[in-house]
Amino acid sequence: QVQVVESGGGLVQPGGSLRVSCVVSRSMFGFWMAWYRQAPGKQRELVARINTGGERIEYADSVKGRFTISRDNAKNTVTLQMNSLKFEDTAVYYCYSNGNWGQGTQVTVSS
């Protein structure tokens, strides 16, 4: 069974930065890796995703220019660097790849 474990969530003030990371117990080489988020009362939405080589990256319009996704295939990890955080970025952030979901990590933006 593939294990997906996120880390790095927490509480940050508006305008601040946070990094969330995800490690997968098996190689995801050949598969996109992605971050989704789900805010209270809302549907889960795609935040960003990256292909194996990193040359194809897609972001939700709401995070373009503020978030950066990257991956390390040797370590089976994917990271989301979040800058200029806003109140509306508050959500549980989930890592996803090849049908495998993590348990999520809470990101709260609050003053």
C-alpha atoms as a PDB file:
ATOM      1  CA  GLN A   1       0.000   0.000   0.000  1.00  0.00           C
ATOM      2  CA  VAL A   2       1.318   3.421  -0.940  1.00  0.00           C
ATOM      3  CA  GLN A   3       1.722   5.865   1.929  1.00  0.00           C
ATOM      4  CA  VAL A   4       1.468   9.595   1.329  1.00  0.00           C
ATOM      5  CA  VAL A   5       2.478  11.843   4.202  1.00  0.00           C
ATOM      6  CA  GLU A   6       2.234  15.623   4.253  1.00  0.00           C
ATOM      7  CA  SER A   7       3.996  17.962   6.640  1.00  0.00           C
ATOM      8  CA  GLY A   8       4.659  21.625   7.169  1.00  0.00           C
ATOM      9  CA  GLY A   9       1.243  23.116   7.715  1.00  0.00           C
ATOM     10  CA  GLY A  10       0.577  25.614  10.452  1.00  0.00           C
ATOM     11  CA  LEU A  11      -0.585  29.077  11.390  1.00  0.00           C
ATOM     12  CA  VAL A  12       0.743  32.111   9.553  1.00  0.00           C
ATOM     13  CA  GLN A  13      -0.201  35.772   9.321  1.00  0.00           C
ATOM     14  CA  PRO A  14      -1.475  37.313   6.086  1.00  0.00           C
ATOM     15  CA  GLY A  15       1.419  38.121   3.806  1.00  0.00           C
ATOM     16  CA  GLY A  16       3.549  35.419   5.343  1.00  0.00           C
ATOM     17  CA  SER A  17       5.067  32.277   3.876  1.00  0.00           C
ATOM     18  CA  LEU A  18       4.761  28.600   4.526  1.00  0.00           C
ATOM     19  CA  ARG A  19       6.073  25.453   2.906  1.00  0.00           C
ATOM     20  CA  VAL A  20       4.253  22.146   2.823  1.00  0.00           C
ATOM     21  CA  SER A  21       5.970  18.944   1.825  1.00  0.00           C
ATOM     22  CA  CYS A  22       4.863  15.459   0.912  1.00  0.00           C
ATOM     23  CA  VAL A  23       6.731  12.181   0.777  1.00  0.00           C
ATOM     24  CA  VAL A  24       5.402   9.123  -0.997  1.00  0.00           C
ATOM     25  CA  SER A  25       6.504   5.627  -0.033  1.00  0.00           C
ATOM     26  CA  ARG A  26       6.906   4.565  -3.643  1.00  0.00           C
ATOM     27  CA  SER A  27       8.335   6.201  -6.713  1.00  0.00           C
ATOM     28  CA  MET A  28       5.860   8.338  -8.626  1.00  0.00           C
ATOM     29  CA  PHE A  29       8.163   8.615 -11.607  1.00  0.00           C
ATOM     30  CA  GLY A  30       5.988   8.865 -14.695  1.00  0.00           C
ATOM     31  CA  PHE A  31       3.057  10.372 -12.819  1.00  0.00           C
ATOM     32  CA  TRP A  32       2.028  13.905 -12.086  1.00  0.00           C
ATOM     33  CA  MET A  33       2.232  14.964  -8.455  1.00  0.00           C
ATOM     34  CA  ALA A  34      -0.214  17.530  -7.157  1.00  0.00           C
ATOM     35  CA  TRP A  35      -1.452  19.598  -4.255  1.00  0.00           C
ATOM     36  CA  TYR A  36      -5.142  20.067  -3.622  1.00  0.00           C
ATOM     37  CA  ARG A  37      -6.880  21.999  -0.880  1.00  0.00           C
ATOM     38  CA  GLN A  38     -10.257  21.991   0.759  1.00  0.00           C
ATOM     39  CA  ALA A  39     -11.626  24.888   2.750  1.00  0.00           C
ATOM     40  CA  PRO A  40     -14.551  24.479   5.169  1.00  0.00           C
ATOM     41  CA  GLY A  41     -17.812  24.177   3.276  1.00  0.00           C
ATOM     42  CA  LYS A  42     -16.106  24.093  -0.098  1.00  0.00           C
ATOM     43  CA  GLN A  43     -15.149  21.434  -2.605  1.00  0.00           C
ATOM     44  CA  ARG A  44     -11.621  20.147  -2.877  1.00  0.00           C
ATOM     45  CA  GLU A  45      -9.755  22.057  -5.569  1.00  0.00           C
ATOM     46  CA  LEU A  46      -6.519  21.629  -7.456  1.00  0.00           C
ATOM     47  CA  VAL A  47      -3.863  24.087  -6.325  1.00  0.00           C
ATOM     48  CA  ALA A  48      -0.887  23.010  -8.413  1.00  0.00           C
ATOM     49  CA  ARG A  49       0.528  20.014 -10.198  1.00  0.00           C
ATOM     50  CA  ILE A  50       3.826  19.073 -11.770  1.00  0.00           C
ATOM     51  CA  ASN A  51       4.832  16.390 -14.215  1.00  0.00           C
ATOM     52  CA  THR A  52       7.761  14.020 -13.759  1.00  0.00           C
ATOM     53  CA  GLY A  53      10.399  16.171 -15.396  1.00  0.00           C
ATOM     54  CA  GLY A  54       9.116  19.406 -13.939  1.00  0.00           C
ATOM     55  CA  GLU A  55       8.799  21.066 -17.327  1.00  0.00           C
ATOM     56  CA  ARG A  56       5.004  21.089 -17.138  1.00  0.00           C
ATOM     57  CA  ILE A  57       3.461  22.890 -14.188  1.00  0.00           C
ATOM     58  CA  GLU A  58      -0.071  24.095 -13.700  1.00  0.00           C
ATOM     59  CA  TYR A  59      -1.449  26.425 -11.040  1.00  0.00           C
ATOM     60  CA  ALA A  60      -4.892  27.506 -10.011  1.00  0.00           C
ATOM     61  CA  ASP A  61      -5.461  31.121 -11.021  1.00  0.00           C
ATOM     62  CA  SER A  62      -5.902  32.086  -7.382  1.00  0.00           C
ATOM     63  CA  VAL A  63      -2.325  31.101  -6.477  1.00  0.00           C
ATOM     64  CA  LYS A  64      -0.370  32.024  -9.619  1.00  0.00           C
ATOM     65  CA  GLY A  65       2.618  34.180  -8.816  1.00  0.00           C
ATOM     66  CA  ARG A  66       2.453  33.319  -5.115  1.00  0.00           C
ATOM     67  CA  PHE A  67       2.884  29.537  -4.902  1.00  0.00           C
ATOM     68  CA  THR A  68       5.639  27.365  -6.335  1.00  0.00           C
ATOM     69  CA  ILE A  69       5.498  23.605  -6.712  1.00  0.00           C
ATOM     70  CA  SER A  70       8.579  21.440  -7.060  1.00  0.00           C
ATOM     71  CA  ARG A  71       9.457  17.771  -6.814  1.00  0.00           C
ATOM     72  CA  ASP A  72      12.440  15.572  -6.115  1.00  0.00           C
ATOM     73  CA  ASN A  73      12.074  12.233  -7.889  1.00  0.00           C
ATOM     74  CA  ALA A  74      15.035  10.724  -6.064  1.00  0.00           C
ATOM     75  CA  LYS A  75      13.328  11.337  -2.725  1.00  0.00           C
ATOM     76  CA  ASN A  76       9.723  10.817  -3.895  1.00  0.00           C
ATOM     77  CA  THR A  77       8.775  14.232  -2.584  1.00  0.00           C
ATOM     78  CA  VAL A  78       6.738  17.174  -3.762  1.00  0.00           C
ATOM     79  CA  THR A  79       6.829  20.583  -2.107  1.00  0.00           C
ATOM     80  CA  LEU A  80       4.592  23.617  -2.256  1.00  0.00           C
ATOM     81  CA  GLN A  81       6.161  26.931  -1.329  1.00  0.00           C
ATOM     82  CA  MET A  82       3.430  29.420  -0.453  1.00  0.00           C
ATOM     83  CA  ASN A  83       4.220  33.138  -0.301  1.00  0.00           C
ATOM     84  CA  SER A  84       2.059  36.214   0.214  1.00  0.00           C
ATOM     85  CA  LEU A  85      -0.544  34.083   1.934  1.00  0.00           C
ATOM     86  CA  LYS A  86      -4.105  35.366   2.166  1.00  0.00           C
ATOM     87  CA  PHE A  87      -6.990  34.583   4.472  1.00  0.00           C
ATOM     88  CA  GLU A  88      -8.642  32.664   1.642  1.00  0.00           C
ATOM     89  CA  ASP A  89      -5.688  30.272   1.441  1.00  0.00           C
ATOM     90  CA  THR A  90      -6.841  28.730   4.707  1.00  0.00           C
ATOM     91  CA  ALA A  91      -7.622  25.081   4.030  1.00  0.00           C
ATOM     92  CA  VAL A  92      -6.486  21.525   4.485  1.00  0.00           C
ATOM     93  CA  TYR A  93      -3.832  20.837   1.877  1.00  0.00           C
ATOM     94  CA  TYR A  94      -3.644  17.374   0.352  1.00  0.00           C
ATOM     95  CA  CYS A  95      -0.909  15.700  -1.636  1.00  0.00           C
ATOM     96  CA  TYR A  96      -1.994  13.486  -4.535  1.00  0.00           C
ATOM     97  CA  SER A  97      -0.352  11.249  -7.095  1.00  0.00           C
ATOM     98  CA  ASN A  98      -1.503   8.286  -9.155  1.00  0.00           C
ATOM     99  CA  GLY A  99      -4.690   7.712  -7.189  1.00  0.00           C
ATOM    100  CA  ASN A 100      -3.020   8.096  -3.810  1.00  0.00           C
ATOM    101  CA  TRP A 101      -4.044  10.757  -1.304  1.00  0.00           C
ATOM    102  CA  GLY A 102      -2.433  11.916   1.882  1.00  0.00           C
ATOM    103  CA  GLN A 103      -4.300  12.699   5.096  1.00  0.00           C
ATOM    104  CA  GLY A 104      -3.838  16.424   4.658  1.00  0.00           C
ATOM    105  CA  THR A 105      -2.134  19.189   6.565  1.00  0.00           C
ATOM    106  CA  GLN A 106      -3.903  22.255   7.923  1.00  0.00           C
ATOM    107  CA  VAL A 107      -2.834  25.703   6.751  1.00  0.00           C
ATOM    108  CA  THR A 108      -4.426  28.605   8.599  1.00  0.00           C
ATOM    109  CA  VAL A 109      -3.882  32.216   7.616  1.00  0.00           C
ATOM    110  CA  SER A 110      -4.977  34.483  10.406  1.00  0.00           C
ATOM    111  CA  SER A 111      -3.987  37.701  12.099  1.00  0.00           C
END
